[in-house]
Amino acid sequence: MCEKRTTGDAPDTLPDDTLLREALRALPVSPPSADLDARILAALHAPRPWWEALWQAVRREARPLLAGAVCALPVTMLALLWTLHAPLDARPAAGFLPSAPARAQNMASLDALLDKPNITAADLRRWEQGGAVTAAPPPRLPPLPRRRACLPWSRALAA
């Protein structure tokens, strides 16, 4: 039967491997200091300062956000500068803004248009061009056909 071998079970067949092991065992090793374990545990459990943890999170997580902000800042500043240098006494062109009664009439006609059960593109176009919008009557349905009664005494009543 075939047995599964692990690396520890492999026979040392190579002479170089044995020489290497003997040479490694012969090397002098300095003894560890008495507080080595304490220093390693202290280094592993040393808390990081809060600002260092925050900076690492900002560098890792907020980098795309900061890159977008850096790119948008000059564009925003130019738009703000352009807006601040616009003349203050500029008035809209004549006919640009309708008078208050015309706006109220416009809103009333828009309400009437939106109250319609079936709005079409032609209605919207007519409203945009200032035409009258009337509420369309509901569509007429064809009359239902008369049905004959299926009961035997209903024939006598129908005649």
C-alpha atoms as a PDB file:
ATOM      1  CA  MET A   1       0.000   0.000   0.000  1.00  0.00           C
ATOM      2  CA  CYS A   2       1.203   3.491  -0.812  1.00  0.00           C
ATOM      3  CA  GLU A   3       1.794   5.746   2.212  1.00  0.00           C
ATOM      4  CA  LYS A   4       1.684   9.502   2.104  1.00  0.00           C
ATOM      5  CA  ARG A   5       4.979  11.073   3.164  1.00  0.00           C
ATOM      6  CA  THR A   6       5.483  14.523   4.595  1.00  0.00           C
ATOM      7  CA  THR A   7       8.614  16.592   4.171  1.00  0.00           C
ATOM      8  CA  GLY A   8       9.836  15.617   7.641  1.00  0.00           C
ATOM      9  CA  ASP A   9       9.699  11.943   6.684  1.00  0.00           C
ATOM     10  CA  ALA A  10      11.843  12.355   3.567  1.00  0.00           C
ATOM     11  CA  PRO A  11      15.180  10.588   3.880  1.00  0.00           C
ATOM     12  CA  ASP A  12      18.348  12.664   3.721  1.00  0.00           C
ATOM     13  CA  THR A  13      19.798  11.260   0.554  1.00  0.00           C
ATOM     14  CA  LEU A  14      21.755  14.301  -0.537  1.00  0.00           C
ATOM     15  CA  PRO A  15      25.168  14.740   1.094  1.00  0.00           C
ATOM     16  CA  ASP A  16      25.008  18.531   0.671  1.00  0.00           C
ATOM     17  CA  ASP A  17      21.868  18.676   2.800  1.00  0.00           C
ATOM     18  CA  THR A  18      23.595  16.947   5.712  1.00  0.00           C
ATOM     19  CA  LEU A  19      26.612  19.192   5.476  1.00  0.00           C
ATOM     20  CA  LEU A  20      24.408  22.265   5.445  1.00  0.00           C
ATOM     21  CA  ARG A  21      22.519  21.121   8.529  1.00  0.00           C
ATOM     22  CA  GLU A  22      25.720  20.431  10.421  1.00  0.00           C
ATOM     23  CA  ALA A  23      27.132  23.821   9.456  1.00  0.00           C
ATOM     24  CA  LEU A  24      23.992  25.608  10.625  1.00  0.00           C
ATOM     25  CA  ARG A  25      24.031  23.785  13.950  1.00  0.00           C
ATOM     26  CA  ALA A  26      27.665  24.744  14.461  1.00  0.00           C
ATOM     27  CA  LEU A  27      27.053  28.485  14.032  1.00  0.00           C
ATOM     28  CA  PRO A  28      27.291  30.423  17.294  1.00  0.00           C
ATOM     29  CA  VAL A  29      24.041  32.052  18.417  1.00  0.00           C
ATOM     30  CA  SER A  30      23.930  34.913  20.897  1.00  0.00           C
ATOM     31  CA  PRO A  31      21.467  34.325  23.739  1.00  0.00           C
ATOM     32  CA  PRO A  32      18.385  36.552  23.702  1.00  0.00           C
ATOM     33  CA  SER A  33      18.177  39.309  26.283  1.00  0.00           C
ATOM     34  CA  ALA A  34      16.001  38.822  29.339  1.00  0.00           C
ATOM     35  CA  ASP A  35      13.422  41.445  28.309  1.00  0.00           C
ATOM     36  CA  LEU A  36      13.062  40.361  24.657  1.00  0.00           C
ATOM     37  CA  ASP A  37       9.543  39.018  25.115  1.00  0.00           C
ATOM     38  CA  ALA A  38       8.436  42.132  26.968  1.00  0.00           C
ATOM     39  CA  ARG A  39       9.810  44.438  24.250  1.00  0.00           C
ATOM     40  CA  ILE A  40       8.122  42.461  21.461  1.00  0.00           C
ATOM     41  CA  LEU A  41       4.773  42.435  23.254  1.00  0.00           C
ATOM     42  CA  ALA A  42       5.048  46.154  24.030  1.00  0.00           C
ATOM     43  CA  ALA A  43       5.761  46.929  20.359  1.00  0.00           C
ATOM     44  CA  LEU A  44       2.798  44.832  19.253  1.00  0.00           C
ATOM     45  CA  HIS A  45       0.378  46.420  21.710  1.00  0.00           C
ATOM     46  CA  ALA A  46       1.593  50.024  21.494  1.00  0.00           C
ATOM     47  CA  PRO A  47      -1.384  52.241  20.601  1.00  0.00           C
ATOM     48  CA  ARG A  48      -0.985  54.529  17.630  1.00  0.00           C
ATOM     49  CA  PRO A  49      -1.674  58.213  18.157  1.00  0.00           C
ATOM     50  CA  TRP A  50      -5.178  59.258  17.049  1.00  0.00           C
ATOM     51  CA  TRP A  51      -3.906  61.717  14.474  1.00  0.00           C
ATOM     52  CA  GLU A  52      -1.778  59.055  12.796  1.00  0.00           C
ATOM     53  CA  ALA A  53      -4.743  56.691  12.481  1.00  0.00           C
ATOM     54  CA  LEU A  54      -6.915  59.536  11.154  1.00  0.00           C
ATOM     55  CA  TRP A  55      -4.275  60.566   8.623  1.00  0.00           C
ATOM     56  CA  GLN A  56      -3.943  56.980   7.387  1.00  0.00           C
ATOM     57  CA  ALA A  57      -7.718  56.747   6.942  1.00  0.00           C
ATOM     58  CA  VAL A  58      -7.839  60.079   5.088  1.00  0.00           C
ATOM     59  CA  ARG A  59      -5.000  59.071   2.794  1.00  0.00           C
ATOM     60  CA  ARG A  60      -6.570  55.712   2.024  1.00  0.00           C
ATOM     61  CA  GLU A  61     -10.323  56.424   1.933  1.00  0.00           C
ATOM     62  CA  ALA A  62     -10.725  60.082   1.053  1.00  0.00           C
ATOM     63  CA  ARG A  63      -8.155  60.328  -1.719  1.00  0.00           C
ATOM     64  CA  PRO A  64     -10.760  60.288  -4.568  1.00  0.00           C
ATOM     65  CA  LEU A  65     -12.847  62.885  -2.757  1.00  0.00           C
ATOM     66  CA  LEU A  66      -9.863  65.147  -2.222  1.00  0.00           C
ATOM     67  CA  ALA A  67      -8.757  64.741  -5.849  1.00  0.00           C
ATOM     68  CA  GLY A  68     -12.203  65.818  -7.048  1.00  0.00           C
ATOM     69  CA  ALA A  69     -12.183  68.800  -4.702  1.00  0.00           C
ATOM     70  CA  VAL A  70      -8.760  69.887  -5.897  1.00  0.00           C
ATOM     71  CA  CYS A  71      -9.908  69.703  -9.520  1.00  0.00           C
ATOM     72  CA  ALA A  72     -13.204  71.515  -8.877  1.00  0.00           C
ATOM     73  CA  LEU A  73     -11.743  74.326  -6.780  1.00  0.00           C
ATOM     74  CA  PRO A  74     -10.188  76.341  -9.666  1.00  0.00           C
ATOM     75  CA  VAL A  75     -13.338  75.967 -11.773  1.00  0.00           C
ATOM     76  CA  THR A  76     -15.484  77.163  -8.865  1.00  0.00           C
ATOM     77  CA  MET A  77     -13.193  80.122  -8.212  1.00  0.00           C
ATOM     78  CA  LEU A  78     -13.306  81.170 -11.886  1.00  0.00           C
ATOM     79  CA  ALA A  79     -17.117  80.934 -11.928  1.00  0.00           C
ATOM     80  CA  LEU A  80     -17.306  82.986  -8.727  1.00  0.00           C
ATOM     81  CA  LEU A  81     -14.938  85.611 -10.142  1.00  0.00           C
ATOM     82  CA  TRP A  82     -16.972  85.821 -13.357  1.00  0.00           C
ATOM     83  CA  THR A  83     -20.215  86.145 -11.379  1.00  0.00           C
ATOM     84  CA  LEU A  84     -18.840  88.876  -9.118  1.00  0.00           C
ATOM     85  CA  HIS A  85     -17.779  90.973 -12.112  1.00  0.00           C
ATOM     86  CA  ALA A  86     -21.219  90.803 -13.762  1.00  0.00           C
ATOM     87  CA  PRO A  87     -22.991  94.201 -13.936  1.00  0.00           C
ATOM     88  CA  LEU A  88     -25.540  94.709 -11.162  1.00  0.00           C
ATOM     89  CA  ASP A  89     -27.926  96.917 -13.146  1.00  0.00           C
ATOM     90  CA  ALA A  90     -28.602  94.328 -15.842  1.00  0.00           C
ATOM     91  CA  ARG A  91     -32.311  93.992 -16.607  1.00  0.00           C
ATOM     92  CA  PRO A  92     -33.964  91.180 -18.517  1.00  0.00           C
ATOM     93  CA  ALA A  93     -34.946  91.895 -22.098  1.00  0.00           C
ATOM     94  CA  ALA A  94     -38.418  93.256 -22.783  1.00  0.00           C
ATOM     95  CA  GLY A  95     -40.976  90.475 -22.859  1.00  0.00           C
ATOM     96  CA  PHE A  96     -38.626  88.094 -21.084  1.00  0.00           C
ATOM     97  CA  LEU A  97     -40.680  88.011 -17.892  1.00  0.00           C
ATOM     98  CA  PRO A  98     -44.490  88.114 -18.208  1.00  0.00           C
ATOM     99  CA  SER A  99     -46.515  90.421 -16.013  1.00  0.00           C
ATOM    100  CA  ALA A 100     -48.112  89.109 -12.828  1.00  0.00           C
ATOM    101  CA  PRO A 101     -51.643  88.657 -14.304  1.00  0.00           C
ATOM    102  CA  ALA A 102     -50.202  86.866 -17.323  1.00  0.00           C
ATOM    103  CA  ARG A 103     -48.228  84.550 -15.033  1.00  0.00           C
ATOM    104  CA  ALA A 104     -51.360  83.794 -13.025  1.00  0.00           C
ATOM    105  CA  GLN A 105     -53.303  83.030 -16.211  1.00  0.00           C
ATOM    106  CA  ASN A 106     -50.423  80.833 -17.392  1.00  0.00           C
ATOM    107  CA  MET A 107     -50.486  78.883 -14.141  1.00  0.00           C
ATOM    108  CA  ALA A 108     -54.256  78.467 -14.323  1.00  0.00           C
ATOM    109  CA  SER A 109     -54.064  77.130 -17.875  1.00  0.00           C
ATOM    110  CA  LEU A 110     -51.221  74.802 -16.861  1.00  0.00           C
ATOM    111  CA  ASP A 111     -53.334  73.487 -13.979  1.00  0.00           C
ATOM    112  CA  ALA A 112     -56.230  72.887 -16.380  1.00  0.00           C
ATOM    113  CA  LEU A 113     -53.885  71.053 -18.740  1.00  0.00           C
ATOM    114  CA  LEU A 114     -52.469  68.852 -15.995  1.00  0.00           C
ATOM    115  CA  ASP A 115     -55.959  68.004 -14.760  1.00  0.00           C
ATOM    116  CA  LYS A 116     -56.796  66.366 -18.078  1.00  0.00           C
ATOM    117  CA  PRO A 117     -56.928  62.568 -17.884  1.00  0.00           C
ATOM    118  CA  ASN A 118     -54.991  62.093 -21.118  1.00  0.00           C
ATOM    119  CA  ILE A 119     -52.377  64.717 -21.970  1.00  0.00           C
ATOM    120  CA  THR A 120     -50.913  64.603 -25.461  1.00  0.00           C
ATOM    121  CA  ALA A 121     -47.883  66.243 -26.992  1.00  0.00           C
ATOM    122  CA  ALA A 122     -50.184  68.455 -29.056  1.00  0.00           C
ATOM    123  CA  ASP A 123     -51.758  69.800 -25.849  1.00  0.00           C
ATOM    124  CA  LEU A 124     -48.351  70.641 -24.428  1.00  0.00           C
ATOM    125  CA  ARG A 125     -47.293  72.317 -27.683  1.00  0.00           C
ATOM    126  CA  ARG A 126     -50.527  74.334 -27.784  1.00  0.00           C
ATOM    127  CA  TRP A 127     -50.026  75.441 -24.158  1.00  0.00           C
ATOM    128  CA  GLU A 128     -46.408  76.408 -24.848  1.00  0.00           C
ATOM    129  CA  GLN A 129     -47.466  78.569 -27.795  1.00  0.00           C
ATOM    130  CA  GLY A 130     -50.090  80.311 -25.662  1.00  0.00           C
ATOM    131  CA  GLY A 131     -53.174  78.640 -27.080  1.00  0.00           C
ATOM    132  CA  ALA A 132     -56.224  77.801 -25.056  1.00  0.00           C
ATOM    133  CA  VAL A 133     -56.286  74.453 -23.368  1.00  0.00           C
ATOM    134  CA  THR A 134     -59.697  72.977 -22.773  1.00  0.00           C
ATOM    135  CA  ALA A 135     -60.501  69.923 -20.794  1.00  0.00           C
ATOM    136  CA  ALA A 136     -61.396  67.158 -23.195  1.00  0.00           C
ATOM    137  CA  PRO A 137     -64.621  65.291 -22.518  1.00  0.00           C
ATOM    138  CA  PRO A 138     -64.186  61.675 -21.509  1.00  0.00           C
ATOM    139  CA  PRO A 139     -64.223  59.304 -24.474  1.00  0.00           C
ATOM    140  CA  ARG A 140     -67.607  57.834 -25.375  1.00  0.00           C
ATOM    141  CA  LEU A 141     -67.884  54.117 -25.034  1.00  0.00           C
ATOM    142  CA  PRO A 142     -70.033  52.108 -27.470  1.00  0.00           C
ATOM    143  CA  PRO A 143     -73.302  50.907 -25.936  1.00  0.00           C
ATOM    144  CA  LEU A 144     -73.378  47.422 -24.564  1.00  0.00           C
ATOM    145  CA  PRO A 145     -75.398  44.903 -26.619  1.00  0.00           C
ATOM    146  CA  ARG A 146     -78.674  43.720 -25.105  1.00  0.00           C
ATOM    147  CA  ARG A 147     -78.438  40.265 -23.688  1.00  0.00           C
ATOM    148  CA  ARG A 148     -81.254  37.816 -23.661  1.00  0.00           C
ATOM    149  CA  ALA A 149     -82.180  36.386 -20.353  1.00  0.00           C
ATOM    150  CA  CYS A 150     -81.373  32.713 -19.896  1.00  0.00           C
ATOM    151  CA  LEU A 151     -84.204  31.915 -17.541  1.00  0.00           C
ATOM    152  CA  PRO A 152     -87.318  30.215 -18.948  1.00  0.00           C
ATOM    153  CA  TRP A 153     -89.866  32.641 -17.411  1.00  0.00           C
ATOM    154  CA  SER A 154     -87.945  35.686 -18.674  1.00  0.00           C
ATOM    155  CA  ARG A 155     -89.059  34.917 -22.249  1.00  0.00           C
ATOM    156  CA  ALA A 156     -92.615  35.373 -21.248  1.00  0.00           C
ATOM    157  CA  LEU A 157     -91.776  38.724 -19.650  1.00  0.00           C
ATOM    158  CA  ALA A 158     -89.829  39.915 -22.672  1.00  0.00           C
ATOM    159  CA  ALA A 159     -92.657  39.159 -25.080  1.00  0.00           C
END
